[in-house]
PDB file of N, CA and C in Angstrom:
ATOM      1  N   MET A   1     -20.247  78.186 137.431  1.00  0.00           N
ATOM      2  CA  MET A   1     -19.605  77.046 136.795  1.00  0.00           C
ATOM      3  C   MET A   1     -18.092  77.165 136.957  1.00  0.00           C
ATOM      4  N   ASP A   2     -17.463  76.077 137.358  1.00  0.00           N
ATOM      5  CA  ASP A   2     -16.015  76.057 137.562  1.00  0.00           C
ATOM      6  C   ASP A   2     -15.326  75.807 136.226  1.00  0.00           C
ATOM      7  N   THR A   3     -14.527  76.778 135.781  1.00  0.00           N
ATOM      8  CA  THR A   3     -13.836  76.642 134.501  1.00  0.00           C
ATOM      9  C   THR A   3     -12.354  76.346 134.691  1.00  0.00           C
ATOM     10  N   LYS A   4     -11.940  76.087 135.913  1.00  0.00           N
ATOM     11  CA  LYS A   4     -10.544  75.779 136.211  1.00  0.00           C
ATOM     12  C   LYS A   4     -10.141  74.469 135.528  1.00  0.00           C
ATOM     13  N   LYS A   5      -9.013  74.508 134.878  1.00  0.00           N
ATOM     14  CA  LYS A   5      -8.497  73.287 134.258  1.00  0.00           C
ATOM     15  C   LYS A   5      -8.024  72.337 135.346  1.00  0.00           C
ATOM     16  N   PRO A   6      -8.265  71.043 135.173  1.00  0.00           N
ATOM     17  CA  PRO A   6      -7.734  70.078 136.144  1.00  0.00           C
ATOM     18  C   PRO A   6      -6.216  69.983 136.015  1.00  0.00           C
ATOM     19  N   THR A   7      -5.574  69.556 137.096  1.00  0.00           N
ATOM     20  CA  THR A   7      -4.126  69.376 137.111  1.00  0.00           C
ATOM     21  C   THR A   7      -3.802  67.899 137.016  1.00  0.00           C
ATOM     22  N   VAL A   8      -2.971  67.549 136.066  1.00  0.00           N
ATOM     23  CA  VAL A   8      -2.602  66.158 135.799  1.00  0.00           C
ATOM     24  C   VAL A   8      -1.091  66.013 135.967  1.00  0.00           C
ATOM     25  N   LEU A   9      -0.679  65.006 136.717  1.00  0.00           N
ATOM     26  CA  LEU A   9       0.745  64.664 136.833  1.00  0.00           C
ATOM     27  C   LEU A   9       1.011  63.454 135.953  1.00  0.00           C
ATOM     28  N   VAL A  10       1.914  63.606 135.004  1.00  0.00           N
ATOM     29  CA  VAL A  10       2.315  62.513 134.112  1.00  0.00           C
ATOM     30  C   VAL A  10       3.700  62.042 134.547  1.00  0.00           C
ATOM     31  N   VAL A  11       3.791  60.767 134.953  1.00  0.00           N
ATOM     32  CA  VAL A  11       5.053  60.177 135.401  1.00  0.00           C
ATOM     33  C   VAL A  11       5.457  59.128 134.363  1.00  0.00           C
ATOM     34  N   GLU A  12       6.422  59.476 133.534  1.00  0.00           N
ATOM     35  CA  GLU A  12       6.830  58.616 132.411  1.00  0.00           C
ATOM     36  C   GLU A  12       8.294  58.866 132.115  1.00  0.00           C
ATOM     37  N   ASP A  13       9.110  57.801 132.159  1.00  0.00           N
ATOM     38  CA  ASP A  13      10.541  57.975 131.940  1.00  0.00           C
ATOM     39  C   ASP A  13      10.932  58.080 130.473  1.00  0.00           C
ATOM     40  N   ASP A  14      10.122  57.568 129.579  1.00  0.00           N
ATOM     41  CA  ASP A  14      10.434  57.636 128.153  1.00  0.00           C
ATOM     42  C   ASP A  14      10.038  59.023 127.627  1.00  0.00           C
ATOM     43  N   GLU A  15      11.036  59.781 127.201  1.00  0.00           N
ATOM     44  CA  GLU A  15      10.809  61.170 126.801  1.00  0.00           C
ATOM     45  C   GLU A  15       9.806  61.299 125.657  1.00  0.00           C
ATOM     46  N   GLN A  16       9.899  60.429 124.669  1.00  0.00           N
ATOM     47  CA  GLN A  16       8.990  60.506 123.530  1.00  0.00           C
ATOM     48  C   GLN A  16       7.548  60.182 123.944  1.00  0.00           C
ATOM     49  N   ASP A  17       7.364  59.124 124.735  1.00  0.00           N
ATOM     50  CA  ASP A  17       6.020  58.787 125.212  1.00  0.00           C
ATOM     51  C   ASP A  17       5.449  59.917 126.062  1.00  0.00           C
ATOM     52  N   ARG A  18       6.277  60.468 126.944  1.00  0.00           N
ATOM     53  CA  ARG A  18       5.830  61.560 127.802  1.00  0.00           C
ATOM     54  C   ARG A  18       5.429  62.772 126.959  1.00  0.00           C
ATOM     55  N   PHE A  19       6.218  63.088 125.959  1.00  0.00           N
ATOM     56  CA  PHE A  19       5.920  64.221 125.083  1.00  0.00           C
ATOM     57  C   PHE A  19       4.560  64.046 124.413  1.00  0.00           C
ATOM     58  N   LEU A  20       4.299  62.868 123.874  1.00  0.00           N
ATOM     59  CA  LEU A  20       3.031  62.633 123.172  1.00  0.00           C
ATOM     60  C   LEU A  20       1.826  62.724 124.112  1.00  0.00           C
ATOM     61  N   ILE A  21       1.962  62.158 125.295  1.00  0.00           N
ATOM     62  CA  ILE A  21       0.869  62.204 126.274  1.00  0.00           C
ATOM     63  C   ILE A  21       0.621  63.647 126.716  1.00  0.00           C
ATOM     64  N   VAL A  22       1.677  64.343 127.066  1.00  0.00           N
ATOM     65  CA  VAL A  22       1.564  65.718 127.566  1.00  0.00           C
ATOM     66  C   VAL A  22       1.017  66.647 126.488  1.00  0.00           C
ATOM     67  N   ARG A  23       1.496  66.495 125.275  1.00  0.00           N
ATOM     68  CA  ARG A  23       1.055  67.365 124.183  1.00  0.00           C
ATOM     69  C   ARG A  23      -0.461  67.294 124.005  1.00  0.00           C
ATOM     70  N   ARG A  24      -1.015  66.110 124.046  1.00  0.00           N
ATOM     71  CA  ARG A  24      -2.466  65.955 123.875  1.00  0.00           C
ATOM     72  C   ARG A  24      -3.228  66.473 125.089  1.00  0.00           C
ATOM     73  N   LEU A  25      -2.706  66.216 126.285  1.00  0.00           N
ATOM     74  CA  LEU A  25      -3.410  66.632 127.504  1.00  0.00           C
ATOM     75  C   LEU A  25      -3.403  68.137 127.720  1.00  0.00           C
ATOM     76  N   ARG A  26      -2.372  68.813 127.272  1.00  0.00           N
ATOM     77  CA  ARG A  26      -2.252  70.267 127.516  1.00  0.00           C
ATOM     78  C   ARG A  26      -3.408  71.059 126.921  1.00  0.00           C
ATOM     79  N   LEU A  27      -4.077  70.508 125.936  1.00  0.00           N
ATOM     80  CA  LEU A  27      -5.227  71.197 125.359  1.00  0.00           C
ATOM     81  C   LEU A  27      -6.397  71.233 126.344  1.00  0.00           C
ATOM     82  N   TRP A  28      -6.371  70.344 127.305  1.00  0.00           N
ATOM     83  CA  TRP A  28      -7.499  70.159 128.198  1.00  0.00           C
ATOM     84  C   TRP A  28      -7.172  70.373 129.670  1.00  0.00           C
ATOM     85  N   ALA A  29      -5.919  70.230 130.048  1.00  0.00           N
ATOM     86  CA  ALA A  29      -5.556  70.256 131.468  1.00  0.00           C
ATOM     87  C   ALA A  29      -4.229  70.977 131.675  1.00  0.00           C
ATOM     88  N   TYR A  30      -3.995  71.369 132.929  1.00  0.00           N
ATOM     89  CA  TYR A  30      -2.689  71.873 133.342  1.00  0.00           C
ATOM     90  C   TYR A  30      -1.858  70.625 133.651  1.00  0.00           C
ATOM     91  N   VAL A  31      -0.715  70.466 132.989  1.00  0.00           N
ATOM     92  CA  VAL A  31       0.050  69.225 133.076  1.00  0.00           C
ATOM     93  C   VAL A  31       1.400  69.457 133.741  1.00  0.00           C
ATOM     94  N   LEU A  32       1.693  68.602 134.726  1.00  0.00           N
ATOM     95  CA  LEU A  32       2.997  68.563 135.378  1.00  0.00           C
ATOM     96  C   LEU A  32       3.690  67.294 134.912  1.00  0.00           C
ATOM     97  N   GLU A  33       4.983  67.357 134.652  1.00  0.00           N
ATOM     98  CA  GLU A  33       5.725  66.218 134.111  1.00  0.00           C
ATOM     99  C   GLU A  33       6.822  65.754 135.054  1.00  0.00           C
ATOM    100  N   ALA A  34       6.937  64.423 135.174  1.00  0.00           N
ATOM    101  CA  ALA A  34       8.041  63.828 135.933  1.00  0.00           C
ATOM    102  C   ALA A  34       8.609  62.680 135.118  1.00  0.00           C
ATOM    103  N   GLU A  35       9.942  62.612 135.061  1.00  0.00           N
ATOM    104  CA  GLU A  35      10.563  61.517 134.313  1.00  0.00           C
ATOM    105  C   GLU A  35      11.032  60.381 135.211  1.00  0.00           C
ATOM    106  N   ASN A  36      10.928  60.581 136.539  1.00  0.00           N
ATOM    107  CA  ASN A  36      11.318  59.507 137.459  1.00  0.00           C
ATOM    108  C   ASN A  36      10.565  59.683 138.780  1.00  0.00           C
ATOM    109  N   SER A  37      10.738  58.738 139.675  1.00  0.00           N
ATOM    110  CA  SER A  37       9.986  58.760 140.933  1.00  0.00           C
ATOM    111  C   SER A  37      10.379  59.931 141.831  1.00  0.00           C
ATOM    112  N   ALA A  38      11.658  60.277 141.857  1.00  0.00           N
ATOM    113  CA  ALA A  38      12.094  61.401 142.698  1.00  0.00           C
ATOM    114  C   ALA A  38      11.450  62.701 142.239  1.00  0.00           C
ATOM    115  N   ASP A  39      11.413  62.929 140.927  1.00  0.00           N
ATOM    116  CA  ASP A  39      10.750  64.116 140.390  1.00  0.00           C
ATOM    117  C   ASP A  39       9.263  64.103 140.733  1.00  0.00           C
ATOM    118  N   ALA A  40       8.625  62.941 140.598  1.00  0.00           N
ATOM    119  CA  ALA A  40       7.191  62.820 140.876  1.00  0.00           C
ATOM    120  C   ALA A  40       6.885  63.139 142.337  1.00  0.00           C
ATOM    121  N   GLN A  41       7.703  62.637 143.234  1.00  0.00           N
ATOM    122  CA  GLN A  41       7.491  62.892 144.663  1.00  0.00           C
ATOM    123  C   GLN A  41       7.642  64.376 144.978  1.00  0.00           C
ATOM    124  N   LYS A  42       8.654  65.003 144.422  1.00  0.00           N
ATOM    125  CA  LYS A  42       8.891  66.434 144.652  1.00  0.00           C
ATOM    126  C   LYS A  42       7.740  67.264 144.084  1.00  0.00           C
ATOM    127  N   ILE A  43       7.316  66.942 142.884  1.00  0.00           N
ATOM    128  CA  ILE A  43       6.221  67.678 142.252  1.00  0.00           C
ATOM    129  C   ILE A  43       4.951  67.543 143.090  1.00  0.00           C
ATOM    130  N   TYR A  44       4.670  66.340 143.573  1.00  0.00           N
ATOM    131  CA  TYR A  44       3.465  66.142 144.396  1.00  0.00           C
ATOM    132  C   TYR A  44       3.559  66.934 145.702  1.00  0.00           C
ATOM    133  N   GLU A  45       4.708  66.912 146.330  1.00  0.00           N
ATOM    134  CA  GLU A  45       4.877  67.663 147.583  1.00  0.00           C
ATOM    135  C   GLU A  45       4.686  69.159 147.357  1.00  0.00           C
ATOM    136  N   ASP A  46       5.104  69.653 146.198  1.00  0.00           N
ATOM    137  CA  ASP A  46       4.955  71.072 145.871  1.00  0.00           C
ATOM    138  C   ASP A  46       3.570  71.423 145.319  1.00  0.00           C
ATOM    139  N   ASN A  47       2.811  70.415 144.872  1.00  0.00           N
ATOM    140  CA  ASN A  47       1.507  70.627 144.234  1.00  0.00           C
ATOM    141  C   ASN A  47       0.499  69.603 144.748  1.00  0.00           C
ATOM    142  N   PRO A  48       0.061  69.717 145.985  1.00  0.00           N
ATOM    143  CA  PRO A  48      -0.821  68.697 146.551  1.00  0.00           C
ATOM    144  C   PRO A  48      -2.236  68.692 145.971  1.00  0.00           C
ATOM    145  N   ASP A  49      -2.578  69.680 145.141  1.00  0.00           N
ATOM    146  CA  ASP A  49      -3.924  69.744 144.564  1.00  0.00           C
ATOM    147  C   ASP A  49      -4.024  69.074 143.193  1.00  0.00           C
ATOM    148  N   ILE A  50      -3.166  68.119 142.919  1.00  0.00           N
ATOM    149  CA  ILE A  50      -3.214  67.374 141.666  1.00  0.00           C
ATOM    150  C   ILE A  50      -4.532  66.604 141.617  1.00  0.00           C
ATOM    151  N   ASP A  51      -5.173  66.602 140.443  1.00  0.00           N
ATOM    152  CA  ASP A  51      -6.469  65.936 140.281  1.00  0.00           C
ATOM    153  C   ASP A  51      -6.347  64.472 139.864  1.00  0.00           C
ATOM    154  N   ILE A  52      -5.338  64.167 139.070  1.00  0.00           N
ATOM    155  CA  ILE A  52      -5.179  62.798 138.567  1.00  0.00           C
ATOM    156  C   ILE A  52      -3.698  62.553 138.272  1.00  0.00           C
ATOM    157  N   ILE A  53      -3.271  61.301 138.466  1.00  0.00           N
ATOM    158  CA  ILE A  53      -1.885  60.917 138.184  1.00  0.00           C
ATOM    159  C   ILE A  53      -1.900  59.824 137.119  1.00  0.00           C
ATOM    160  N   LEU A  54      -1.122  60.032 136.070  1.00  0.00           N
ATOM    161  CA  LEU A  54      -0.927  59.023 135.020  1.00  0.00           C
ATOM    162  C   LEU A  54       0.500  58.527 135.182  1.00  0.00           C
ATOM    163  N   MET A  55       0.657  57.226 135.414  1.00  0.00           N
ATOM    164  CA  MET A  55       1.978  56.733 135.792  1.00  0.00           C
ATOM    165  C   MET A  55       2.355  55.446 135.058  1.00  0.00           C
ATOM    166  N   ASP A  56       3.554  55.457 134.527  1.00  0.00           N
ATOM    167  CA  ASP A  56       4.134  54.270 133.916  1.00  0.00           C
ATOM    168  C   ASP A  56       4.493  53.275 135.028  1.00  0.00           C
ATOM    169  N   PHE A  57       4.336  52.002 134.750  1.00  0.00           N
ATOM    170  CA  PHE A  57       4.693  50.979 135.730  1.00  0.00           C
ATOM    171  C   PHE A  57       6.208  50.869 135.860  1.00  0.00           C
ATOM    172  N   ASP A  58       6.902  50.817 134.736  1.00  0.00           N
ATOM    173  CA  ASP A  58       8.353  50.628 134.729  1.00  0.00           C
ATOM    174  C   ASP A  58       9.034  51.970 134.484  1.00  0.00           C
ATOM    175  N   LEU A  59       9.558  52.564 135.546  1.00  0.00           N
ATOM    176  CA  LEU A  59      10.153  53.895 135.441  1.00  0.00           C
ATOM    177  C   LEU A  59      11.658  53.881 135.221  1.00  0.00           C
ATOM    178  N   GLY A  60      12.219  52.737 134.925  1.00  0.00           N
ATOM    179  CA  GLY A  60      13.624  52.682 134.568  1.00  0.00           C
ATOM    180  C   GLY A  60      14.560  52.514 135.745  1.00  0.00           C
ATOM    181  N   PHE A  61      15.813  52.313 135.417  1.00  0.00           N
ATOM    182  CA  PHE A  61      16.866  52.052 136.394  1.00  0.00           C
ATOM    183  C   PHE A  61      17.039  53.235 137.348  1.00  0.00           C
ATOM    184  N   GLY A  62      17.203  52.934 138.623  1.00  0.00           N
ATOM    185  CA  GLY A  62      17.487  53.968 139.606  1.00  0.00           C
ATOM    186  C   GLY A  62      16.263  54.714 140.101  1.00  0.00           C
ATOM    187  N   SER A  63      15.085  54.243 139.739  1.00  0.00           N
ATOM    188  CA  SER A  63      13.853  54.920 140.139  1.00  0.00           C
ATOM    189  C   SER A  63      12.913  53.897 140.768  1.00  0.00           C
ATOM    190  N   LEU A  64      12.092  54.346 141.698  1.00  0.00           N
ATOM    191  CA  LEU A  64      11.053  53.459 142.218  1.00  0.00           C
ATOM    192  C   LEU A  64      10.160  53.052 141.057  1.00  0.00           C
ATOM    193  N   ASN A  65       9.657  51.827 141.075  1.00  0.00           N
ATOM    194  CA  ASN A  65       8.731  51.466 140.008  1.00  0.00           C
ATOM    195  C   ASN A  65       7.353  52.043 140.321  1.00  0.00           C
ATOM    196  N   GLY A  66       6.450  51.949 139.355  1.00  0.00           N
ATOM    197  CA  GLY A  66       5.122  52.506 139.515  1.00  0.00           C
ATOM    198  C   GLY A  66       4.351  51.903 140.668  1.00  0.00           C
ATOM    199  N   LEU A  67       4.606  50.650 140.970  1.00  0.00           N
ATOM    200  CA  LEU A  67       3.939  49.968 142.074  1.00  0.00           C
ATOM    201  C   LEU A  67       4.280  50.639 143.406  1.00  0.00           C
ATOM    202  N   VAL A  68       5.548  50.809 143.675  1.00  0.00           N
ATOM    203  CA  VAL A  68       5.996  51.425 144.929  1.00  0.00           C
ATOM    204  C   VAL A  68       5.579  52.896 144.971  1.00  0.00           C
ATOM    205  N   LEU A  69       5.674  53.573 143.849  1.00  0.00           N
ATOM    206  CA  LEU A  69       5.299  54.984 143.801  1.00  0.00           C
ATOM    207  C   LEU A  69       3.795  55.162 144.020  1.00  0.00           C
ATOM    208  N   THR A  70       2.989  54.264 143.496  1.00  0.00           N
ATOM    209  CA  THR A  70       1.540  54.309 143.740  1.00  0.00           C
ATOM    210  C   THR A  70       1.256  54.194 145.231  1.00  0.00           C
ATOM    211  N   MET A  71       1.906  53.241 145.889  1.00  0.00           N
ATOM    212  CA  MET A  71       1.724  53.091 147.339  1.00  0.00           C
ATOM    213  C   MET A  71       2.168  54.356 148.065  1.00  0.00           C
ATOM    214  N   TRP A  72       3.261  54.975 147.617  1.00  0.00           N
ATOM    215  CA  TRP A  72       3.742  56.205 148.246  1.00  0.00           C
ATOM    216  C   TRP A  72       2.701  57.313 148.131  1.00  0.00           C
ATOM    217  N   PHE A  73       2.127  57.495 146.924  1.00  0.00           N
ATOM    218  CA  PHE A  73       1.098  58.532 146.741  1.00  0.00           C
ATOM    219  C   PHE A  73      -0.082  58.299 147.677  1.00  0.00           C
ATOM    220  N   ARG A  74      -0.506  57.051 147.811  1.00  0.00           N
ATOM    221  CA  ARG A  74      -1.637  56.743 148.696  1.00  0.00           C
ATOM    222  C   ARG A  74      -1.256  56.998 150.161  1.00  0.00           C
ATOM    223  N   GLU A  75      -0.046  56.654 150.541  1.00  0.00           N
ATOM    224  CA  GLU A  75       0.410  56.904 151.917  1.00  0.00           C
ATOM    225  C   GLU A  75       0.473  58.399 152.221  1.00  0.00           C
ATOM    226  N   GLN A  76       0.732  59.210 151.184  1.00  0.00           N
ATOM    227  CA  GLN A  76       0.780  60.661 151.357  1.00  0.00           C
ATOM    228  C   GLN A  76      -0.620  61.266 151.423  1.00  0.00           C
ATOM    229  N   GLY A  77      -1.629  60.460 151.166  1.00  0.00           N
ATOM    230  CA  GLY A  77      -3.009  60.936 151.252  1.00  0.00           C
ATOM    231  C   GLY A  77      -3.653  61.302 149.928  1.00  0.00           C
ATOM    232  N   PHE A  78      -3.005  60.988 148.797  1.00  0.00           N
ATOM    233  CA  PHE A  78      -3.609  61.294 147.498  1.00  0.00           C
ATOM    234  C   PHE A  78      -4.854  60.432 147.325  1.00  0.00           C
ATOM    235  N   LYS A  79      -6.002  61.089 147.126  1.00  0.00           N
ATOM    236  CA  LYS A  79      -7.274  60.378 147.011  1.00  0.00           C
ATOM    237  C   LYS A  79      -7.812  60.336 145.580  1.00  0.00           C
ATOM    238  N   GLY A  80      -7.185  61.082 144.686  1.00  0.00           N
ATOM    239  CA  GLY A  80      -7.645  61.135 143.303  1.00  0.00           C
ATOM    240  C   GLY A  80      -7.310  59.866 142.543  1.00  0.00           C
ATOM    241  N   PRO A  81      -7.777  59.799 141.305  1.00  0.00           N
ATOM    242  CA  PRO A  81      -7.493  58.620 140.483  1.00  0.00           C
ATOM    243  C   PRO A  81      -6.021  58.522 140.093  1.00  0.00           C
ATOM    244  N   ILE A  82      -5.530  57.307 140.127  1.00  0.00           N
ATOM    245  CA  ILE A  82      -4.206  56.992 139.591  1.00  0.00           C
ATOM    246  C   ILE A  82      -4.433  56.031 138.433  1.00  0.00           C
ATOM    247  N   VAL A  83      -3.945  56.421 137.264  1.00  0.00           N
ATOM    248  CA  VAL A  83      -4.072  55.597 136.068  1.00  0.00           C
ATOM    249  C   VAL A  83      -2.709  54.996 135.775  1.00  0.00           C
ATOM    250  N   ALA A  84      -2.632  53.674 135.831  1.00  0.00           N
ATOM    251  CA  ALA A  84      -1.374  52.974 135.565  1.00  0.00           C
ATOM    252  C   ALA A  84      -1.263  52.682 134.077  1.00  0.00           C
ATOM    253  N   MET A  85      -0.108  53.008 133.527  1.00  0.00           N
ATOM    254  CA  MET A  85       0.149  52.707 132.117  1.00  0.00           C
ATOM    255  C   MET A  85       1.002  51.450 132.064  1.00  0.00           C
ATOM    256  N   SER A  86       0.400  50.378 131.576  1.00  0.00           N
ATOM    257  CA  SER A  86       1.122  49.111 131.538  1.00  0.00           C
ATOM    258  C   SER A  86       0.562  48.224 130.446  1.00  0.00           C
ATOM    259  N   SER A  87       1.424  47.430 129.848  1.00  0.00           N
ATOM    260  CA  SER A  87       0.977  46.473 128.838  1.00  0.00           C
ATOM    261  C   SER A  87       0.929  45.055 129.397  1.00  0.00           C
ATOM    262  N   SER A  88       1.409  44.870 130.604  1.00  0.00           N
ATOM    263  CA  SER A  88       1.449  43.546 131.228  1.00  0.00           C
ATOM    264  C   SER A  88       0.256  43.361 132.163  1.00  0.00           C
ATOM    265  N   SER A  89      -0.467  42.267 131.983  1.00  0.00           N
ATOM    266  CA  SER A  89      -1.624  42.021 132.847  1.00  0.00           C
ATOM    267  C   SER A  89      -1.193  41.755 134.286  1.00  0.00           C
ATOM    268  N   GLU A  90      -0.031  41.160 134.488  1.00  0.00           N
ATOM    269  CA  GLU A  90       0.448  40.892 135.842  1.00  0.00           C
ATOM    270  C   GLU A  90       0.812  42.188 136.561  1.00  0.00           C
ATOM    271  N   SER A  91       1.518  43.087 135.868  1.00  0.00           N
ATOM    272  CA  SER A  91       1.850  44.358 136.507  1.00  0.00           C
ATOM    273  C   SER A  91       0.594  45.200 136.704  1.00  0.00           C
ATOM    274  N   SER A  92      -0.375  45.085 135.804  1.00  0.00           N
ATOM    275  CA  SER A  92      -1.642  45.806 135.959  1.00  0.00           C
ATOM    276  C   SER A  92      -2.354  45.373 137.224  1.00  0.00           C
ATOM    277  N   LYS A  93      -2.411  44.081 137.462  1.00  0.00           N
ATOM    278  CA  LYS A  93      -3.055  43.555 138.663  1.00  0.00           C
ATOM    279  C   LYS A  93      -2.338  44.069 139.915  1.00  0.00           C
ATOM    280  N   SER A  94      -1.013  44.075 139.893  1.00  0.00           N
ATOM    281  CA  SER A  94      -0.231  44.557 141.035  1.00  0.00           C
ATOM    282  C   SER A  94      -0.473  46.040 141.279  1.00  0.00           C
ATOM    283  N   MET A  95      -0.575  46.822 140.208  1.00  0.00           N
ATOM    284  CA  MET A  95      -0.803  48.258 140.350  1.00  0.00           C
ATOM    285  C   MET A  95      -2.164  48.532 140.989  1.00  0.00           C
ATOM    286  N   VAL A  96      -3.177  47.787 140.601  1.00  0.00           N
ATOM    287  CA  VAL A  96      -4.510  47.958 141.192  1.00  0.00           C
ATOM    288  C   VAL A  96      -4.464  47.578 142.668  1.00  0.00           C
ATOM    289  N   GLU A  97      -3.787  46.500 142.989  1.00  0.00           N
ATOM    290  CA  GLU A  97      -3.653  46.092 144.390  1.00  0.00           C
ATOM    291  C   GLU A  97      -2.911  47.147 145.216  1.00  0.00           C
ATOM    292  N   ALA A  98      -2.006  47.890 144.581  1.00  0.00           N
ATOM    293  CA  ALA A  98      -1.233  48.925 145.276  1.00  0.00           C
ATOM    294  C   ALA A  98      -2.006  50.230 145.425  1.00  0.00           C
ATOM    295  N   GLY A  99      -3.098  50.370 144.673  1.00  0.00           N
ATOM    296  CA  GLY A  99      -3.901  51.579 144.819  1.00  0.00           C
ATOM    297  C   GLY A  99      -4.252  52.304 143.536  1.00  0.00           C
ATOM    298  N   ALA A 100      -3.828  51.793 142.391  1.00  0.00           N
ATOM    299  CA  ALA A 100      -4.235  52.415 141.128  1.00  0.00           C
ATOM    300  C   ALA A 100      -5.722  52.144 140.898  1.00  0.00           C
ATOM    301  N   ASN A 101      -6.393  53.103 140.268  1.00  0.00           N
ATOM    302  CA  ASN A 101      -7.821  52.966 140.012  1.00  0.00           C
ATOM    303  C   ASN A 101      -8.122  52.415 138.631  1.00  0.00           C
ATOM    304  N   PHE A 102      -7.247  52.697 137.687  1.00  0.00           N
ATOM    305  CA  PHE A 102      -7.489  52.338 136.295  1.00  0.00           C
ATOM    306  C   PHE A 102      -6.191  51.877 135.652  1.00  0.00           C
ATOM    307  N   ILE A 103      -6.336  51.065 134.619  1.00  0.00           N
ATOM    308  CA  ILE A 103      -5.206  50.622 133.811  1.00  0.00           C
ATOM    309  C   ILE A 103      -5.470  51.121 132.388  1.00  0.00           C
ATOM    310  N   SER A 104      -4.444  51.631 131.743  1.00  0.00           N
ATOM    311  CA  SER A 104      -4.611  52.158 130.395  1.00  0.00           C
ATOM    312  C   SER A 104      -3.339  51.909 129.600  1.00  0.00           C
ATOM    313  N   SER A 105      -3.475  51.924 128.290  1.00  0.00           N
ATOM    314  CA  SER A 105      -2.292  51.841 127.437  1.00  0.00           C
ATOM    315  C   SER A 105      -1.782  53.252 127.187  1.00  0.00           C
ATOM    316  N   LYS A 106      -0.521  53.377 126.872  1.00  0.00           N
ATOM    317  CA  LYS A 106       0.054  54.706 126.632  1.00  0.00           C
ATOM    318  C   LYS A 106      -0.611  55.391 125.443  1.00  0.00           C
ATOM    319  N   GLY A 107      -1.085  54.603 124.489  1.00  0.00           N
ATOM    320  CA  GLY A 107      -1.722  55.177 123.304  1.00  0.00           C
ATOM    321  C   GLY A 107      -3.067  55.829 123.575  1.00  0.00           C
ATOM    322  N   SER A 108      -3.718  55.452 124.655  1.00  0.00           N
ATOM    323  CA  SER A 108      -5.045  56.012 124.933  1.00  0.00           C
ATOM    324  C   SER A 108      -5.160  56.627 126.314  1.00  0.00           C
ATOM    325  N   VAL A 109      -4.059  56.732 127.049  1.00  0.00           N
ATOM    326  CA  VAL A 109      -4.128  57.200 128.432  1.00  0.00           C
ATOM    327  C   VAL A 109      -4.634  58.634 128.537  1.00  0.00           C
ATOM    328  N   ASP A 110      -4.289  59.490 127.581  1.00  0.00           N
ATOM    329  CA  ASP A 110      -4.777  60.869 127.643  1.00  0.00           C
ATOM    330  C   ASP A 110      -6.289  60.921 127.490  1.00  0.00           C
ATOM    331  N   GLU A 111      -6.835  60.165 126.555  1.00  0.00           N
ATOM    332  CA  GLU A 111      -8.286  60.108 126.361  1.00  0.00           C
ATOM    333  C   GLU A 111      -8.968  59.507 127.576  1.00  0.00           C
ATOM    334  N   ASP A 112      -8.376  58.474 128.152  1.00  0.00           N
ATOM    335  CA  ASP A 112      -8.941  57.855 129.353  1.00  0.00           C
ATOM    336  C   ASP A 112      -8.951  58.840 130.519  1.00  0.00           C
ATOM    337  N   ALA A 113      -7.885  59.608 130.665  1.00  0.00           N
ATOM    338  CA  ALA A 113      -7.805  60.581 131.752  1.00  0.00           C
ATOM    339  C   ALA A 113      -8.883  61.651 131.606  1.00  0.00           C
ATOM    340  N   ILE A 114      -9.085  62.143 130.407  1.00  0.00           N
ATOM    341  CA  ILE A 114     -10.111  63.159 130.175  1.00  0.00           C
ATOM    342  C   ILE A 114     -11.492  62.596 130.493  1.00  0.00           C
ATOM    343  N   GLN A 115     -11.745  61.378 130.079  1.00  0.00           N
ATOM    344  CA  GLN A 115     -13.039  60.746 130.365  1.00  0.00           C
ATOM    345  C   GLN A 115     -13.252  60.576 131.872  1.00  0.00           C
ATOM    346  N   ILE A 116     -12.235  60.160 132.581  1.00  0.00           N
ATOM    347  CA  ILE A 116     -12.332  59.981 134.042  1.00  0.00           C
ATOM    348  C   ILE A 116     -12.634  61.320 134.717  1.00  0.00           C
ATOM    349  N   LEU A 117     -11.924  62.366 134.327  1.00  0.00           N
ATOM    350  CA  LEU A 117     -12.129  63.676 134.947  1.00  0.00           C
ATOM    351  C   LEU A 117     -13.489  64.265 134.580  1.00  0.00           C
ATOM    352  N   GLU A 118     -13.939  64.061 133.350  1.00  0.00           N
ATOM    353  CA  GLU A 118     -15.269  64.539 132.954  1.00  0.00           C
ATOM    354  C   GLU A 118     -16.352  63.836 133.770  1.00  0.00           C
ATOM    355  N   THR A 119     -16.203  62.543 133.973  1.00  0.00           N
ATOM    356  CA  THR A 119     -17.174  61.794 134.780  1.00  0.00           C
ATOM    357  C   THR A 119     -17.183  62.305 136.218  1.00  0.00           C
ATOM    358  N   ARG A 120     -16.009  62.528 136.786  1.00  0.00           N
ATOM    359  CA  ARG A 120     -15.928  63.052 138.152  1.00  0.00           C
ATOM    360  C   ARG A 120     -16.546  64.430 138.257  1.00  0.00           C
ATOM    361  N   LYS A 121     -16.316  65.276 137.257  1.00  0.00           N
ATOM    362  CA  LYS A 121     -16.869  66.626 137.268  1.00  0.00           C
ATOM    363  C   LYS A 121     -18.396  66.575 137.231  1.00  0.00           C
ATOM    364  N   LYS A 122     -18.971  65.717 136.402  1.00  0.00           N
ATOM    365  CA  LYS A 122     -20.434  65.575 136.328  1.00  0.00           C
ATOM    366  C   LYS A 122     -21.001  65.071 137.644  1.00  0.00           C
ATOM    367  N   ASN A 123     -20.294  64.150 138.282  1.00  0.00           N
ATOM    368  CA  ASN A 123     -20.771  63.583 139.560  1.00  0.00           C
ATOM    369  C   ASN A 123     -20.691  64.605 140.694  1.00  0.00           C
ATOM    370  N   ASP A 124     -19.801  65.590 140.574  1.00  0.00           N
ATOM    371  CA  ASP A 124     -19.660  66.613 141.603  1.00  0.00           C
ATOM    372  C   ASP A 124     -20.715  67.709 141.498  1.00  0.00           C
ATOM    373  N   LEU A 125     -21.361  67.794 140.345  1.00  0.00           N
ATOM    374  CA  LEU A 125     -22.378  68.859 140.145  1.00  0.00           C
ATOM    375  C   LEU A 125     -23.628  68.604 140.938  1.00  0.00           C
TER     376      LEU A 125
END
């Protein structure tokens, strides 16, 4: 039985939101944090075995938005789930078109990520 914790990349520019998401996920997964697109790209290049990416749509001034960053991850060959955190139905639709697999709210994204990874783990058995 594989007891290795999954690796989750959380891309969120709001420090408080990122803290809350990461704090809950750390009980279950190895968590990497990025506050902007440049950090996320560097972390992915250094850690290509990431299992799932949780990404805010709006990453703030001076950063690629979640839409462009999602396309970048897919162009780099990331095949795992990307969960877009967005409250806008229009941005959610765009994120899915760009390659996101799921849409979630920031309040439940950690629970959604655990459920997605548990389902994948069961399907791999």
